[in-house]
């Protein structure tokens, strides 16, 4: 669906407390989460504006977002322990 917000708290509401905790205490997590949210916002704006970029560029942005999300999820699972 176009225009969806994919922040970690929306996608993993059961891990909200861990997201907040890691954002406050883990510099690497906080930086990756910031980049993830910025990419998500950029992609959402492009989608809402009929993606005025090449398909390959959009695919690249979405791939980077997916990789970041996977990394962040692994950190969340490890912290949840």
N, C-alpha and C. Protein backbone atom coordinates (compact mmCIF):
# COMPACT_ATOMS: atom_id res chain seq x y z
N UNK A 1 0.84 -1.17 0.00
CA UNK A 1 0.00 0.00 0.00
C UNK A 1 0.89 1.24 0.00
N UNK A 2 0.57 2.19 -0.84
CA UNK A 2 1.34 3.41 -0.94
C UNK A 2 1.14 4.31 0.27
N UNK A 3 2.22 4.96 0.68
CA UNK A 3 2.12 5.93 1.74
C UNK A 3 2.10 5.37 3.15
N UNK A 4 2.30 4.07 3.30
CA UNK A 4 2.31 3.46 4.63
C UNK A 4 3.52 3.90 5.42
N UNK A 5 3.34 4.09 6.71
CA UNK A 5 4.46 4.41 7.60
C UNK A 5 4.99 3.08 8.15
N UNK A 6 6.28 2.85 7.94
CA UNK A 6 6.89 1.59 8.35
C UNK A 6 7.87 1.75 9.51
N UNK A 7 7.65 2.72 10.39
CA UNK A 7 8.57 2.84 11.52
C UNK A 7 8.49 1.57 12.37
N UNK A 8 9.55 1.30 13.12
CA UNK A 8 9.62 0.06 13.87
C UNK A 8 8.48 -0.10 14.86
N UNK A 9 8.07 0.98 15.49
CA UNK A 9 6.99 0.90 16.47
C UNK A 9 5.67 0.51 15.80
N UNK A 10 5.45 0.96 14.57
CA UNK A 10 4.24 0.56 13.84
C UNK A 10 4.31 -0.90 13.42
N UNK A 11 5.48 -1.32 12.93
CA UNK A 11 5.60 -2.68 12.41
C UNK A 11 5.79 -3.72 13.51
N UNK A 12 6.35 -3.32 14.64
CA UNK A 12 6.58 -4.24 15.76
C UNK A 12 6.08 -3.62 17.07
N UNK A 13 4.77 -3.40 17.19
CA UNK A 13 4.25 -2.72 18.39
C UNK A 13 4.56 -3.46 19.68
N UNK A 14 4.72 -4.77 19.60
CA UNK A 14 5.04 -5.55 20.79
C UNK A 14 6.46 -5.28 21.30
N UNK A 15 7.27 -4.61 20.50
CA UNK A 15 8.65 -4.32 20.87
C UNK A 15 8.88 -2.83 21.11
N UNK A 16 7.81 -2.08 21.31
CA UNK A 16 7.93 -0.63 21.45
C UNK A 16 8.89 -0.24 22.58
N UNK A 17 8.77 -0.88 23.72
CA UNK A 17 9.64 -0.54 24.85
C UNK A 17 11.10 -0.80 24.54
N UNK A 18 11.38 -1.87 23.83
CA UNK A 18 12.76 -2.20 23.46
C UNK A 18 13.29 -1.19 22.44
N UNK A 19 12.45 -0.78 21.49
CA UNK A 19 12.85 0.22 20.51
C UNK A 19 13.24 1.51 21.23
N UNK A 20 12.42 1.96 22.16
CA UNK A 20 12.69 3.18 22.91
C UNK A 20 13.98 3.03 23.71
N UNK A 21 14.11 1.90 24.40
CA UNK A 21 15.30 1.66 25.23
C UNK A 21 16.58 1.67 24.39
N UNK A 22 16.58 0.93 23.28
CA UNK A 22 17.77 0.87 22.44
C UNK A 22 18.08 2.21 21.78
N UNK A 23 17.05 2.94 21.43
CA UNK A 23 17.27 4.26 20.83
C UNK A 23 17.98 5.19 21.82
N UNK A 24 17.66 5.02 23.09
CA UNK A 24 18.26 5.87 24.12
C UNK A 24 19.64 5.38 24.57
N UNK A 25 19.92 4.08 24.45
CA UNK A 25 21.14 3.54 25.05
C UNK A 25 22.15 2.97 24.07
N UNK A 26 21.75 2.70 22.84
CA UNK A 26 22.64 2.06 21.87
C UNK A 26 22.84 2.99 20.67
N UNK A 27 24.03 3.57 20.59
CA UNK A 27 24.32 4.56 19.55
C UNK A 27 24.15 3.97 18.15
N UNK A 28 24.63 2.75 17.94
CA UNK A 28 24.52 2.11 16.63
C UNK A 28 23.06 1.90 16.25
N UNK A 29 22.28 1.38 17.18
CA UNK A 29 20.85 1.17 16.93
C UNK A 29 20.18 2.50 16.61
N UNK A 30 20.47 3.53 17.41
CA UNK A 30 19.84 4.84 17.22
C UNK A 30 20.18 5.41 15.84
N UNK A 31 21.43 5.29 15.41
CA UNK A 31 21.83 5.81 14.10
C UNK A 31 21.17 5.03 12.97
N UNK A 32 21.13 3.70 13.09
CA UNK A 32 20.48 2.89 12.06
C UNK A 32 18.99 3.15 12.02
N UNK A 33 18.37 3.32 13.17
CA UNK A 33 16.94 3.60 13.22
C UNK A 33 16.64 4.97 12.61
N UNK A 34 17.50 5.94 12.87
CA UNK A 34 17.33 7.27 12.28
C UNK A 34 17.42 7.19 10.76
N UNK A 35 18.40 6.45 10.24
CA UNK A 35 18.55 6.29 8.79
C UNK A 35 17.34 5.55 8.22
N UNK A 36 16.88 4.51 8.92
CA UNK A 36 15.72 3.74 8.48
C UNK A 36 14.49 4.64 8.37
N UNK A 37 14.25 5.46 9.39
CA UNK A 37 13.09 6.36 9.37
C UNK A 37 13.20 7.40 8.27
N UNK A 38 14.41 7.90 8.04
CA UNK A 38 14.60 8.88 6.96
C UNK A 38 14.34 8.24 5.60
N UNK A 39 14.82 7.03 5.39
CA UNK A 39 14.56 6.32 4.14
C UNK A 39 13.07 6.06 3.97
N UNK A 40 12.43 5.64 5.04
CA UNK A 40 10.99 5.37 4.98
C UNK A 40 10.23 6.63 4.58
N UNK A 41 10.59 7.76 5.17
CA UNK A 41 9.94 9.03 4.83
C UNK A 41 10.21 9.40 3.37
N UNK A 42 11.44 9.23 2.93
CA UNK A 42 11.78 9.56 1.54
C UNK A 42 10.97 8.69 0.57
N UNK A 43 10.90 7.41 0.83
CA UNK A 43 10.15 6.49 -0.03
C UNK A 43 8.67 6.84 -0.03
N UNK A 44 8.13 7.13 1.16
CA UNK A 44 6.71 7.47 1.27
C UNK A 44 6.40 8.73 0.45
N UNK A 45 7.24 9.74 0.56
CA UNK A 45 7.01 10.98 -0.19
C UNK A 45 7.11 10.73 -1.69
N UNK A 46 8.06 9.93 -2.12
CA UNK A 46 8.18 9.61 -3.54
C UNK A 46 6.94 8.86 -4.03
N UNK A 47 6.46 7.91 -3.24
CA UNK A 47 5.26 7.16 -3.63
C UNK A 47 4.04 8.07 -3.73
N UNK A 48 3.91 8.96 -2.78
CA UNK A 48 2.75 9.86 -2.77
C UNK A 48 2.81 10.88 -3.90
N UNK A 49 4.01 11.11 -4.42
CA UNK A 49 4.20 12.03 -5.54
C UNK A 49 4.41 11.27 -6.85
N UNK A 50 3.85 10.08 -6.94
CA UNK A 50 3.94 9.23 -8.13
C UNK A 50 5.37 8.86 -8.49
N UNK A 51 6.24 8.70 -7.48
CA UNK A 51 7.61 8.22 -7.65
C UNK A 51 8.34 8.86 -8.81
N UNK A 52 8.66 10.16 -8.70
CA UNK A 52 9.34 10.84 -9.81
C UNK A 52 10.83 10.50 -9.90
N UNK A 53 11.16 9.20 -9.75
CA UNK A 53 12.52 8.72 -9.94
C UNK A 53 12.45 7.43 -10.74
N UNK A 54 13.59 6.98 -11.21
CA UNK A 54 13.66 5.73 -11.97
C UNK A 54 13.27 4.54 -11.08
N UNK A 55 12.68 3.53 -11.69
CA UNK A 55 12.29 2.33 -10.95
C UNK A 55 13.48 1.70 -10.23
N UNK A 56 14.63 1.67 -10.89
CA UNK A 56 15.81 1.07 -10.29
C UNK A 56 16.25 1.84 -9.04
N UNK A 57 16.13 3.15 -9.08
CA UNK A 57 16.48 3.97 -7.92
C UNK A 57 15.51 3.71 -6.76
N UNK A 58 14.23 3.60 -7.08
CA UNK A 58 13.24 3.30 -6.04
C UNK A 58 13.50 1.92 -5.45
N UNK A 59 13.81 0.96 -6.30
CA UNK A 59 14.11 -0.39 -5.83
C UNK A 59 15.31 -0.36 -4.90
N UNK A 60 16.32 0.41 -5.25
CA UNK A 60 17.52 0.52 -4.43
C UNK A 60 17.19 1.10 -3.05
N UNK A 61 16.37 2.13 -3.01
CA UNK A 61 15.96 2.72 -1.74
C UNK A 61 15.19 1.71 -0.88
N UNK A 62 14.28 1.00 -1.51
CA UNK A 62 13.48 0.01 -0.77
C UNK A 62 14.34 -1.15 -0.29
N UNK A 63 15.33 -1.53 -1.08
CA UNK A 63 16.24 -2.61 -0.68
C UNK A 63 17.07 -2.18 0.53
N UNK A 64 17.58 -0.96 0.50
CA UNK A 64 18.35 -0.45 1.63
C UNK A 64 17.48 -0.39 2.89
N UNK A 65 16.24 0.06 2.74
CA UNK A 65 15.32 0.12 3.88
C UNK A 65 15.08 -1.28 4.44
N UNK A 66 14.89 -2.25 3.57
CA UNK A 66 14.65 -3.63 4.02
C UNK A 66 15.86 -4.19 4.76
N UNK A 67 17.05 -3.91 4.25
CA UNK A 67 18.26 -4.39 4.93
C UNK A 67 18.40 -3.76 6.31
N UNK A 68 18.15 -2.46 6.39
CA UNK A 68 18.21 -1.79 7.69
C UNK A 68 17.17 -2.37 8.65
N UNK A 69 15.98 -2.61 8.15
CA UNK A 69 14.92 -3.17 9.00
C UNK A 69 15.32 -4.55 9.51
N UNK A 70 15.91 -5.36 8.65
CA UNK A 70 16.38 -6.68 9.08
C UNK A 70 17.43 -6.56 10.18
N UNK A 71 18.40 -5.65 9.98
CA UNK A 71 19.44 -5.44 10.99
C UNK A 71 18.85 -4.97 12.30
N UNK A 72 17.96 -4.01 12.23
CA UNK A 72 17.33 -3.48 13.43
C UNK A 72 16.50 -4.54 14.14
N UNK A 73 15.79 -5.36 13.38
CA UNK A 73 14.98 -6.41 13.98
C UNK A 73 15.87 -7.41 14.73
N UNK A 74 17.00 -7.75 14.13
CA UNK A 74 17.93 -8.68 14.80
C UNK A 74 18.43 -8.09 16.12
N UNK A 75 18.71 -6.79 16.14
CA UNK A 75 19.12 -6.13 17.37
C UNK A 75 18.00 -6.14 18.40
N UNK A 76 16.77 -5.95 17.95
CA UNK A 76 15.63 -5.98 18.87
C UNK A 76 15.45 -7.36 19.47
N UNK A 77 15.53 -8.39 18.65
CA UNK A 77 15.38 -9.76 19.14
C UNK A 77 16.49 -10.09 20.14
N UNK A 78 17.71 -9.69 19.83
CA UNK A 78 18.83 -9.96 20.75
C UNK A 78 18.64 -9.24 22.08
N UNK A 79 18.14 -8.01 22.03
CA UNK A 79 17.92 -7.24 23.26
C UNK A 79 16.77 -7.80 24.08
N UNK A 80 15.78 -8.36 23.36
CA UNK A 80 14.61 -8.94 24.04
C UNK A 80 15.02 -10.17 24.83
N UNK A 81 16.01 -10.88 24.26
CA UNK A 81 16.63 -12.04 24.88
C UNK A 81 15.71 -13.02 25.41
